[in-house]
Amino acid sequence: MSVIVFAETDNGKLKKSSLEAVSYGKDTAQLISGKCVAFAAGNLDDGQKELLANAGADEIVHVNAEVYAQFTPERYAAAMAEIAENKNCHTVIISHTYNGKSLGPRLAVRMKAAIITGVVSLADTSNGFKLKKTCFSNKAFSMVNVQNEKKVIGIVPNSYEVKEHHAAGEYTAAT
């Protein structure tokens, strides 16, 4: 099983939170002995693919059609769910941004997956799949043990550092 990460862009440039999510996705993929697939849609400027690979993307799936020029959660969720199924990705990583918050629930429904938002650290896989998340207006933390094989994880921006993984970054253009 692999991990798919939503690589959010703004005017063709990756957001810092996307690179954090890819690093988190790569570390999660290593925990479950899988690979990290980055999903980008819309315009992606030169050099951005290399940033994704450096952050840990083993594979980059880029959907660059006119209908993806503007973020639409329903359309992005449909494309990402289809790619996740085709690539055997049971874990989805999104950054807990405005777009991520609107994409995550739609993905969870399409994939019949558990959704855990506000995550602040890497999963503990020593006894299941436990995640640390914020609660009570970010004044406390709780540990959540995820029972579902499929999961959508929303990580809090700036809670995970961008690491230099230097992954393969195999590029695939999709329609």
N, C-alpha and C. Protein backbone atom coordinates (compact mmCIF):
# COMPACT_ATOMS: atom_id res chain seq x y z
N MET A 1 0.84 -1.18 0.00
CA MET A 1 0.00 0.00 0.00
C MET A 1 0.88 1.24 0.00
N SER A 2 0.37 2.26 -0.65
CA SER A 2 1.11 3.50 -0.77
C SER A 2 0.32 4.65 -0.15
N VAL A 3 0.97 5.81 -0.16
CA VAL A 3 0.40 7.04 0.39
C VAL A 3 0.27 8.04 -0.75
N ILE A 4 -0.86 8.74 -0.83
CA ILE A 4 -1.02 9.81 -1.81
C ILE A 4 -1.17 11.12 -1.06
N VAL A 5 -0.50 12.16 -1.56
CA VAL A 5 -0.47 13.46 -0.90
C VAL A 5 -1.02 14.52 -1.85
N PHE A 6 -1.88 15.38 -1.34
CA PHE A 6 -2.39 16.51 -2.11
C PHE A 6 -1.35 17.62 -2.09
N ALA A 7 -0.76 17.90 -3.25
CA ALA A 7 0.24 18.96 -3.39
C ALA A 7 -0.46 20.22 -3.88
N GLU A 8 -0.86 21.04 -2.95
CA GLU A 8 -1.63 22.25 -3.25
C GLU A 8 -0.72 23.32 -3.84
N THR A 9 -1.22 23.99 -4.87
CA THR A 9 -0.45 25.05 -5.52
C THR A 9 -1.21 26.37 -5.47
N ASP A 10 -0.46 27.43 -5.69
CA ASP A 10 -1.04 28.77 -5.80
C ASP A 10 -0.32 29.45 -6.96
N ASN A 11 -1.05 29.69 -8.04
CA ASN A 11 -0.47 30.30 -9.25
C ASN A 11 0.75 29.54 -9.75
N GLY A 12 0.66 28.21 -9.77
CA GLY A 12 1.73 27.38 -10.30
C GLY A 12 2.86 27.06 -9.35
N LYS A 13 2.84 27.64 -8.16
CA LYS A 13 3.89 27.40 -7.16
C LYS A 13 3.32 26.56 -6.02
N LEU A 14 4.14 25.63 -5.54
CA LEU A 14 3.72 24.81 -4.40
C LEU A 14 3.68 25.63 -3.13
N LYS A 15 2.69 25.36 -2.31
CA LYS A 15 2.63 26.01 -1.00
C LYS A 15 3.58 25.28 -0.05
N LYS A 16 4.13 25.99 0.92
CA LYS A 16 5.04 25.39 1.91
C LYS A 16 4.34 24.23 2.61
N SER A 17 3.06 24.40 2.91
CA SER A 17 2.31 23.34 3.60
C SER A 17 2.23 22.08 2.75
N SER A 18 2.29 22.21 1.43
CA SER A 18 2.29 21.04 0.55
C SER A 18 3.58 20.26 0.67
N LEU A 19 4.69 20.98 0.76
CA LEU A 19 5.99 20.31 0.91
C LEU A 19 6.07 19.62 2.28
N GLU A 20 5.49 20.24 3.31
CA GLU A 20 5.41 19.60 4.63
C GLU A 20 4.60 18.31 4.52
N ALA A 21 3.47 18.38 3.81
CA ALA A 21 2.60 17.21 3.65
C ALA A 21 3.31 16.10 2.88
N VAL A 22 4.11 16.45 1.86
CA VAL A 22 4.83 15.44 1.11
C VAL A 22 5.90 14.78 1.99
N SER A 23 6.61 15.58 2.80
CA SER A 23 7.59 15.00 3.72
C SER A 23 6.92 14.07 4.72
N TYR A 24 5.77 14.50 5.24
CA TYR A 24 4.99 13.67 6.16
C TYR A 24 4.54 12.39 5.44
N GLY A 25 4.09 12.54 4.19
CA GLY A 25 3.66 11.39 3.41
C GLY A 25 4.78 10.41 3.15
N LYS A 26 5.97 10.92 2.87
CA LYS A 26 7.12 10.04 2.64
C LYS A 26 7.46 9.27 3.91
N ASP A 27 7.48 9.95 5.05
CA ASP A 27 7.79 9.28 6.31
C ASP A 27 6.71 8.26 6.67
N THR A 28 5.45 8.58 6.38
CA THR A 28 4.36 7.63 6.61
C THR A 28 4.50 6.43 5.69
N ALA A 29 4.83 6.68 4.43
CA ALA A 29 5.02 5.58 3.47
C ALA A 29 6.14 4.65 3.92
N GLN A 30 7.21 5.20 4.47
CA GLN A 30 8.29 4.37 4.96
C GLN A 30 7.84 3.52 6.15
N LEU A 31 6.95 4.06 6.99
CA LEU A 31 6.42 3.30 8.12
C LEU A 31 5.62 2.08 7.68
N ILE A 32 4.91 2.22 6.57
CA ILE A 32 4.05 1.12 6.10
C ILE A 32 4.66 0.39 4.90
N SER A 33 5.92 0.64 4.64
CA SER A 33 6.65 0.00 3.54
C SER A 33 5.99 0.23 2.19
N GLY A 34 5.61 1.46 1.94
CA GLY A 34 5.00 1.83 0.67
C GLY A 34 5.76 2.95 0.01
N LYS A 35 5.14 3.56 -0.97
CA LYS A 35 5.77 4.70 -1.62
C LYS A 35 4.86 5.92 -1.50
N CYS A 36 5.45 7.08 -1.74
CA CYS A 36 4.75 8.36 -1.62
C CYS A 36 4.43 8.89 -3.01
N VAL A 37 3.15 9.07 -3.29
CA VAL A 37 2.68 9.61 -4.57
C VAL A 37 2.14 11.01 -4.32
N ALA A 38 2.67 12.01 -5.02
CA ALA A 38 2.17 13.38 -4.90
C ALA A 38 1.17 13.64 -6.02
N PHE A 39 0.03 14.24 -5.68
CA PHE A 39 -1.00 14.59 -6.65
C PHE A 39 -1.03 16.11 -6.78
N ALA A 40 -0.78 16.61 -7.99
CA ALA A 40 -0.86 18.04 -8.25
C ALA A 40 -1.82 18.26 -9.40
N ALA A 41 -2.62 19.31 -9.33
CA ALA A 41 -3.57 19.61 -10.39
C ALA A 41 -3.45 21.08 -10.78
N GLY A 42 -3.74 21.33 -12.04
CA GLY A 42 -3.64 22.69 -12.55
C GLY A 42 -2.22 23.01 -12.99
N ASN A 43 -1.94 24.28 -13.11
CA ASN A 43 -0.61 24.72 -13.55
C ASN A 43 0.46 24.41 -12.50
N LEU A 44 1.60 23.94 -12.98
CA LEU A 44 2.73 23.63 -12.11
C LEU A 44 3.99 24.18 -12.78
N ASP A 45 4.54 25.25 -12.21
CA ASP A 45 5.69 25.92 -12.80
C ASP A 45 6.93 25.04 -12.84
N ASP A 46 7.88 25.41 -13.70
CA ASP A 46 9.15 24.71 -13.79
C ASP A 46 9.84 24.70 -12.43
N GLY A 47 10.48 23.60 -12.12
CA GLY A 47 11.21 23.47 -10.85
C GLY A 47 10.37 22.95 -9.71
N GLN A 48 9.06 22.97 -9.84
CA GLN A 48 8.18 22.53 -8.76
C GLN A 48 8.21 21.01 -8.59
N LYS A 49 8.38 20.30 -9.71
CA LYS A 49 8.46 18.83 -9.64
C LYS A 49 9.69 18.40 -8.83
N GLU A 50 10.79 19.12 -9.03
CA GLU A 50 12.02 18.81 -8.29
C GLU A 50 11.82 19.06 -6.79
N LEU A 51 11.07 20.10 -6.45
CA LEU A 51 10.78 20.38 -5.04
C LEU A 51 9.99 19.23 -4.42
N LEU A 52 9.02 18.70 -5.18
CA LEU A 52 8.22 17.57 -4.69
C LEU A 52 9.10 16.34 -4.48
N ALA A 53 9.98 16.07 -5.43
CA ALA A 53 10.88 14.92 -5.32
C ALA A 53 11.83 15.09 -4.13
N ASN A 54 12.37 16.27 -3.96
CA ASN A 54 13.28 16.53 -2.83
C ASN A 54 12.57 16.37 -1.49
N ALA A 55 11.29 16.71 -1.45
CA ALA A 55 10.53 16.58 -0.21
C ALA A 55 10.12 15.14 0.06
N GLY A 56 10.21 14.26 -0.97
CA GLY A 56 9.92 12.85 -0.72
C GLY A 56 9.00 12.15 -1.69
N ALA A 57 8.53 12.83 -2.72
CA ALA A 57 7.61 12.19 -3.67
C ALA A 57 8.35 11.18 -4.54
N ASP A 58 7.98 9.91 -4.38
CA ASP A 58 8.55 8.87 -5.24
C ASP A 58 7.96 8.97 -6.65
N GLU A 59 6.71 9.42 -6.70
CA GLU A 59 6.01 9.58 -7.98
C GLU A 59 5.16 10.84 -7.91
N ILE A 60 5.09 11.56 -9.02
CA ILE A 60 4.29 12.78 -9.11
C ILE A 60 3.26 12.57 -10.21
N VAL A 61 1.99 12.66 -9.84
CA VAL A 61 0.91 12.57 -10.82
C VAL A 61 0.35 13.98 -10.96
N HIS A 62 0.48 14.51 -12.17
CA HIS A 62 0.07 15.89 -12.44
C HIS A 62 -1.09 15.89 -13.43
N VAL A 63 -2.21 16.45 -13.01
CA VAL A 63 -3.38 16.59 -13.86
C VAL A 63 -3.44 18.06 -14.27
N ASN A 64 -3.15 18.31 -15.54
CA ASN A 64 -3.11 19.69 -16.01
C ASN A 64 -4.08 19.88 -17.16
N ALA A 65 -5.33 19.99 -16.83
CA ALA A 65 -6.37 20.28 -17.81
C ALA A 65 -7.04 21.58 -17.39
N GLU A 66 -7.67 22.24 -18.32
CA GLU A 66 -8.29 23.55 -18.06
C GLU A 66 -9.29 23.48 -16.88
N VAL A 67 -10.00 22.36 -16.74
CA VAL A 67 -11.00 22.25 -15.67
C VAL A 67 -10.35 22.23 -14.27
N TYR A 68 -9.03 22.03 -14.20
CA TYR A 68 -8.33 22.02 -12.91
C TYR A 68 -7.59 23.33 -12.65
N ALA A 69 -7.80 24.34 -13.50
CA ALA A 69 -7.11 25.62 -13.33
C ALA A 69 -7.49 26.28 -12.00
N GLN A 70 -8.74 26.15 -11.60
CA GLN A 70 -9.21 26.67 -10.32
C GLN A 70 -9.58 25.50 -9.42
N PHE A 71 -9.26 25.63 -8.13
CA PHE A 71 -9.56 24.56 -7.18
C PHE A 71 -11.07 24.39 -7.04
N THR A 72 -11.53 23.18 -7.29
CA THR A 72 -12.92 22.78 -7.07
C THR A 72 -12.87 21.48 -6.29
N PRO A 73 -13.30 21.47 -5.02
CA PRO A 73 -13.13 20.29 -4.18
C PRO A 73 -13.77 19.03 -4.75
N GLU A 74 -14.93 19.15 -5.37
CA GLU A 74 -15.60 17.97 -5.92
C GLU A 74 -14.77 17.35 -7.05
N ARG A 75 -14.28 18.20 -7.95
CA ARG A 75 -13.51 17.72 -9.10
C ARG A 75 -12.17 17.14 -8.65
N TYR A 76 -11.48 17.84 -7.74
CA TYR A 76 -10.19 17.37 -7.24
C TYR A 76 -10.36 16.05 -6.48
N ALA A 77 -11.43 15.94 -5.69
CA ALA A 77 -11.67 14.71 -4.92
C ALA A 77 -11.91 13.53 -5.86
N ALA A 78 -12.67 13.76 -6.92
CA ALA A 78 -12.95 12.68 -7.88
C ALA A 78 -11.65 12.20 -8.53
N ALA A 79 -10.83 13.13 -8.97
CA ALA A 79 -9.57 12.77 -9.63
C ALA A 79 -8.62 12.08 -8.65
N MET A 80 -8.51 12.63 -7.46
CA MET A 80 -7.57 12.07 -6.48
C MET A 80 -8.01 10.69 -6.01
N ALA A 81 -9.30 10.49 -5.81
CA ALA A 81 -9.82 9.18 -5.40
C ALA A 81 -9.56 8.13 -6.48
N GLU A 82 -9.73 8.51 -7.74
CA GLU A 82 -9.48 7.57 -8.84
C GLU A 82 -8.00 7.20 -8.91
N ILE A 83 -7.13 8.20 -8.77
CA ILE A 83 -5.69 7.93 -8.80
C ILE A 83 -5.28 7.09 -7.60
N ALA A 84 -5.85 7.39 -6.42
CA ALA A 84 -5.54 6.61 -5.22
C ALA A 84 -5.91 5.14 -5.42
N GLU A 85 -7.04 4.90 -6.02
CA GLU A 85 -7.46 3.51 -6.28
C GLU A 85 -6.52 2.84 -7.28
N ASN A 86 -6.19 3.53 -8.35
CA ASN A 86 -5.32 2.97 -9.38
C ASN A 86 -3.90 2.70 -8.87
N LYS A 87 -3.43 3.52 -7.94
CA LYS A 87 -2.06 3.38 -7.41
C LYS A 87 -2.02 2.58 -6.11
N ASN A 88 -3.17 2.05 -5.68
CA ASN A 88 -3.27 1.28 -4.43
C ASN A 88 -2.83 2.09 -3.21
N CYS A 89 -3.31 3.33 -3.16
CA CYS A 89 -3.01 4.22 -2.03
C CYS A 89 -4.17 4.17 -1.05
N HIS A 90 -3.92 3.67 0.15
CA HIS A 90 -4.96 3.57 1.16
C HIS A 90 -4.88 4.70 2.17
N THR A 91 -3.80 5.47 2.12
CA THR A 91 -3.63 6.59 3.04
C THR A 91 -3.48 7.87 2.22
N VAL A 92 -4.28 8.88 2.57
CA VAL A 92 -4.23 10.18 1.91
C VAL A 92 -3.75 11.21 2.92
N ILE A 93 -2.80 12.05 2.49
CA ILE A 93 -2.31 13.12 3.35
C ILE A 93 -2.68 14.44 2.70
N ILE A 94 -3.31 15.30 3.48
CA ILE A 94 -3.63 16.65 3.02
C ILE A 94 -3.16 17.63 4.10
N SER A 95 -2.84 18.82 3.67
CA SER A 95 -2.54 19.86 4.65
C SER A 95 -3.88 20.43 5.12
N HIS A 96 -3.96 20.76 6.38
CA HIS A 96 -5.21 21.24 6.99
C HIS A 96 -5.40 22.73 6.70
N THR A 97 -5.36 23.07 5.40
CA THR A 97 -5.59 24.43 4.94
C THR A 97 -7.06 24.57 4.56
N TYR A 98 -7.44 25.75 4.09
CA TYR A 98 -8.81 25.96 3.64
C TYR A 98 -9.18 24.95 2.56
N ASN A 99 -8.33 24.79 1.54
CA ASN A 99 -8.62 23.83 0.47
C ASN A 99 -8.59 22.40 0.98
N GLY A 100 -7.63 22.09 1.84
CA GLY A 100 -7.55 20.74 2.41
C GLY A 100 -8.77 20.39 3.23
N LYS A 101 -9.28 21.37 3.97
CA LYS A 101 -10.47 21.13 4.80
C LYS A 101 -11.71 20.86 3.94
N SER A 102 -11.76 21.43 2.74
CA SER A 102 -12.91 21.16 1.88
C SER A 102 -12.71 19.89 1.04
N LEU A 103 -11.46 19.52 0.80
CA LEU A 103 -11.17 18.32 0.01
C LEU A 103 -11.25 17.04 0.85
N GLY A 104 -10.74 17.07 2.06
CA GLY A 104 -10.63 15.88 2.92
C GLY A 104 -11.92 15.10 3.11
N PRO A 105 -12.99 15.74 3.55
CA PRO A 105 -14.24 15.00 3.76
C PRO A 105 -14.79 14.37 2.48
N ARG A 106 -14.66 15.07 1.37
CA ARG A 106 -15.14 14.53 0.10
C ARG A 106 -14.34 13.29 -0.30
N LEU A 107 -13.04 13.35 -0.09
CA LEU A 107 -12.19 12.19 -0.37
C LEU A 107 -12.55 11.01 0.53
N ALA A 108 -12.75 11.30 1.81
CA ALA A 108 -13.07 10.23 2.77
C ALA A 108 -14.36 9.52 2.37
N VAL A 109 -15.36 10.27 1.94
CA VAL A 109 -16.62 9.66 1.52
C VAL A 109 -16.42 8.82 0.26
N ARG A 110 -15.73 9.37 -0.72
CA ARG A 110 -15.51 8.63 -1.98
C ARG A 110 -14.72 7.35 -1.76
N MET A 111 -13.74 7.39 -0.83
CA MET A 111 -12.87 6.24 -0.59
C MET A 111 -13.37 5.31 0.52
N LYS A 112 -14.47 5.72 1.18
CA LYS A 112 -14.97 4.99 2.35
C LYS A 112 -13.85 4.86 3.39
N ALA A 113 -13.26 6.02 3.69
CA ALA A 113 -12.10 6.08 4.57
C ALA A 113 -12.41 6.85 5.85
N ALA A 114 -11.63 6.57 6.88
CA ALA A 114 -11.70 7.36 8.11
C ALA A 114 -11.02 8.69 7.82
N ILE A 115 -11.46 9.76 8.49
CA ILE A 115 -10.80 11.05 8.34
C ILE A 115 -10.36 11.54 9.71
N ILE A 116 -9.11 11.95 9.80
CA ILE A 116 -8.54 12.46 11.04
C ILE A 116 -7.91 13.80 10.69
N THR A 117 -8.40 14.87 11.28
CA THR A 117 -7.89 16.20 10.98
C THR A 117 -7.17 16.78 12.19
N GLY A 118 -6.39 17.80 11.95
CA GLY A 118 -5.67 18.46 13.04
C GLY A 118 -4.51 17.63 13.56
N VAL A 119 -3.94 16.77 12.73
CA VAL A 119 -2.84 15.89 13.14
C VAL A 119 -1.55 16.71 13.26
N VAL A 120 -0.78 16.44 14.32
CA VAL A 120 0.43 17.24 14.58
C VAL A 120 1.72 16.42 14.64
N SER A 121 1.63 15.10 14.48
CA SER A 121 2.86 14.30 14.50
C SER A 121 2.67 13.03 13.69
N LEU A 122 3.79 12.40 13.41
CA LEU A 122 3.79 11.16 12.63
C LEU A 122 3.07 10.05 13.41
N ALA A 123 2.49 9.13 12.70
CA ALA A 123 1.74 8.03 13.33
C ALA A 123 2.66 7.12 14.12
N ASP A 124 2.11 6.58 15.20
CA ASP A 124 2.77 5.55 15.98
C ASP A 124 2.19 4.22 15.51
N THR A 125 3.02 3.41 14.84
CA THR A 125 2.53 2.15 14.28
C THR A 125 2.97 0.94 15.10
N SER A 126 3.45 1.17 16.31
CA SER A 126 3.91 0.06 17.14
C SER A 126 2.75 -0.84 17.58
N ASN A 127 1.55 -0.26 17.71
CA ASN A 127 0.38 -1.03 18.13
C ASN A 127 -0.84 -0.46 17.42
N GLY A 128 -0.96 -0.71 16.13
CA GLY A 128 -2.04 -0.13 15.35
C GLY A 128 -1.55 1.07 14.57
N PHE A 129 -2.41 2.07 14.44
CA PHE A 129 -2.08 3.30 13.72
C PHE A 129 -2.61 4.45 14.55
N LYS A 130 -1.79 4.97 15.46
CA LYS A 130 -2.21 6.03 16.38
C LYS A 130 -1.68 7.38 15.92
N LEU A 131 -2.56 8.37 15.97
CA LEU A 131 -2.21 9.73 15.57
C LEU A 131 -2.47 10.71 16.70
N LYS A 132 -1.59 11.68 16.84
CA LYS A 132 -1.76 12.76 17.82
C LYS A 132 -2.40 13.93 17.09
N LYS A 133 -3.52 14.43 17.63
CA LYS A 133 -4.25 15.53 16.99
C LYS A 133 -4.66 16.58 18.01
N THR A 134 -4.94 17.75 17.51
CA THR A 134 -5.38 18.83 18.39
C THR A 134 -6.86 18.64 18.74
N CYS A 135 -7.26 19.18 19.88
CA CYS A 135 -8.66 19.19 20.27
C CYS A 135 -8.90 20.37 21.21
N PHE A 136 -10.13 20.63 21.53
CA PHE A 136 -10.51 21.73 22.42
C PHE A 136 -9.87 23.05 21.98
N SER A 137 -10.18 23.45 20.74
CA SER A 137 -9.68 24.71 20.17
C SER A 137 -8.16 24.81 20.24
N ASN A 138 -7.51 23.71 19.96
CA ASN A 138 -6.04 23.63 19.95
C ASN A 138 -5.40 23.86 21.33
N LYS A 139 -6.16 23.65 22.39
CA LYS A 139 -5.63 23.82 23.73
C LYS A 139 -5.19 22.49 24.35
N ALA A 140 -5.49 21.40 23.66
CA ALA A 140 -5.13 20.07 24.17
C ALA A 140 -4.87 19.14 22.98
N PHE A 141 -4.37 17.96 23.30
CA PHE A 141 -4.10 16.95 22.29
C PHE A 141 -4.80 15.66 22.67
N SER A 142 -5.11 14.86 21.67
CA SER A 142 -5.66 13.53 21.93
C SER A 142 -4.96 12.54 21.00
N MET A 143 -4.96 11.30 21.42
CA MET A 143 -4.41 10.22 20.61
C MET A 143 -5.59 9.45 20.02
N VAL A 144 -5.55 9.25 18.72
CA VAL A 144 -6.63 8.56 18.01
C VAL A 144 -6.07 7.30 17.38
N ASN A 145 -6.68 6.16 17.67
CA ASN A 145 -6.28 4.90 17.05
C ASN A 145 -7.21 4.64 15.86
N VAL A 146 -6.65 4.66 14.67
CA VAL A 146 -7.45 4.52 13.45
C VAL A 146 -7.61 3.04 13.14
N GLN A 147 -8.86 2.60 13.05
CA GLN A 147 -9.18 1.20 12.80
C GLN A 147 -9.36 0.89 11.32
N ASN A 148 -9.75 1.87 10.54
CA ASN A 148 -10.04 1.67 9.13
C ASN A 148 -8.75 1.53 8.33
N GLU A 149 -8.73 0.62 7.37
CA GLU A 149 -7.54 0.44 6.52
C GLU A 149 -7.29 1.68 5.67
N LYS A 150 -8.36 2.32 5.21
CA LYS A 150 -8.24 3.54 4.41
C LYS A 150 -8.42 4.74 5.32
N LYS A 151 -7.54 5.74 5.13
CA LYS A 151 -7.60 6.91 5.99
C LYS A 151 -7.19 8.18 5.26
N VAL A 152 -7.82 9.28 5.63
CA VAL A 152 -7.48 10.60 5.14
C VAL A 152 -6.96 11.37 6.36
N ILE A 153 -5.73 11.85 6.26
CA ILE A 153 -5.08 12.52 7.39
C ILE A 153 -4.82 13.98 7.02
N GLY A 154 -5.38 14.88 7.82
CA GLY A 154 -5.15 16.31 7.63
C GLY A 154 -4.14 16.81 8.64
N ILE A 155 -2.95 17.19 8.17
CA ILE A 155 -1.91 17.66 9.10
C ILE A 155 -1.95 19.18 9.22
N VAL A 156 -1.70 19.65 10.43
CA VAL A 156 -1.69 21.08 10.71
C VAL A 156 -0.46 21.71 10.06
N PRO A 157 -0.65 22.79 9.30
CA PRO A 157 0.52 23.47 8.71
C PRO A 157 1.52 23.89 9.79
N ASN A 158 2.79 23.81 9.47
CA ASN A 158 3.91 24.15 10.36
C ASN A 158 4.08 23.18 11.53
N SER A 159 3.43 22.02 11.48
CA SER A 159 3.61 21.03 12.54
C SER A 159 4.61 19.95 12.15
N TYR A 160 5.02 19.94 10.88
CA TYR A 160 5.95 18.93 10.39
C TYR A 160 6.95 19.61 9.47
N GLU A 161 8.21 19.34 9.69
CA GLU A 161 9.24 20.02 8.90
C GLU A 161 9.38 19.41 7.50
N VAL A 162 9.80 20.25 6.57
CA VAL A 162 10.12 19.76 5.23
C VAL A 162 11.50 19.12 5.31
N LYS A 163 11.56 17.85 4.96
CA LYS A 163 12.82 17.11 5.01
C LYS A 163 13.36 16.89 3.60
N GLU A 164 14.65 16.78 3.49
CA GLU A 164 15.29 16.48 2.21
C GLU A 164 15.37 14.96 2.05
N HIS A 165 14.44 14.41 1.29
CA HIS A 165 14.40 12.97 1.07
C HIS A 165 15.06 12.57 -0.25
N HIS A 166 15.08 13.46 -1.21
CA HIS A 166 15.65 13.20 -2.53
C HIS A 166 15.11 11.90 -3.14
N ALA A 167 13.79 11.83 -3.26
CA ALA A 167 13.15 10.66 -3.84
C ALA A 167 13.23 10.72 -5.37
N ALA A 168 12.77 9.68 -6.02
CA ALA A 168 12.88 9.56 -7.47
C ALA A 168 12.08 10.63 -8.21
N GLY A 169 10.88 10.91 -7.73
CA GLY A 169 10.05 11.93 -8.38
C GLY A 169 9.65 11.58 -9.80
N GLU A 170 9.34 10.31 -10.03
CA GLU A 170 8.91 9.86 -11.37
C GLU A 170 7.64 10.62 -11.75
N TYR A 171 7.68 11.30 -12.88
CA TYR A 171 6.60 12.18 -13.29
C TYR A 171 5.62 11.48 -14.25
N THR A 172 4.31 11.65 -13.96
CA THR A 172 3.26 11.13 -14.83
C THR A 172 2.25 12.24 -15.07
N ALA A 173 2.00 12.52 -16.34
CA ALA A 173 0.95 13.47 -16.69
C ALA A 173 -0.34 12.69 -16.86
N ALA A 174 -1.40 13.15 -16.21
CA ALA A 174 -2.69 12.47 -16.27
C ALA A 174 -3.74 13.42 -16.83
N THR A 175 -4.83 12.86 -17.30
CA THR A 175 -5.91 13.69 -17.82
C THR A 175 -7.17 13.46 -17.06
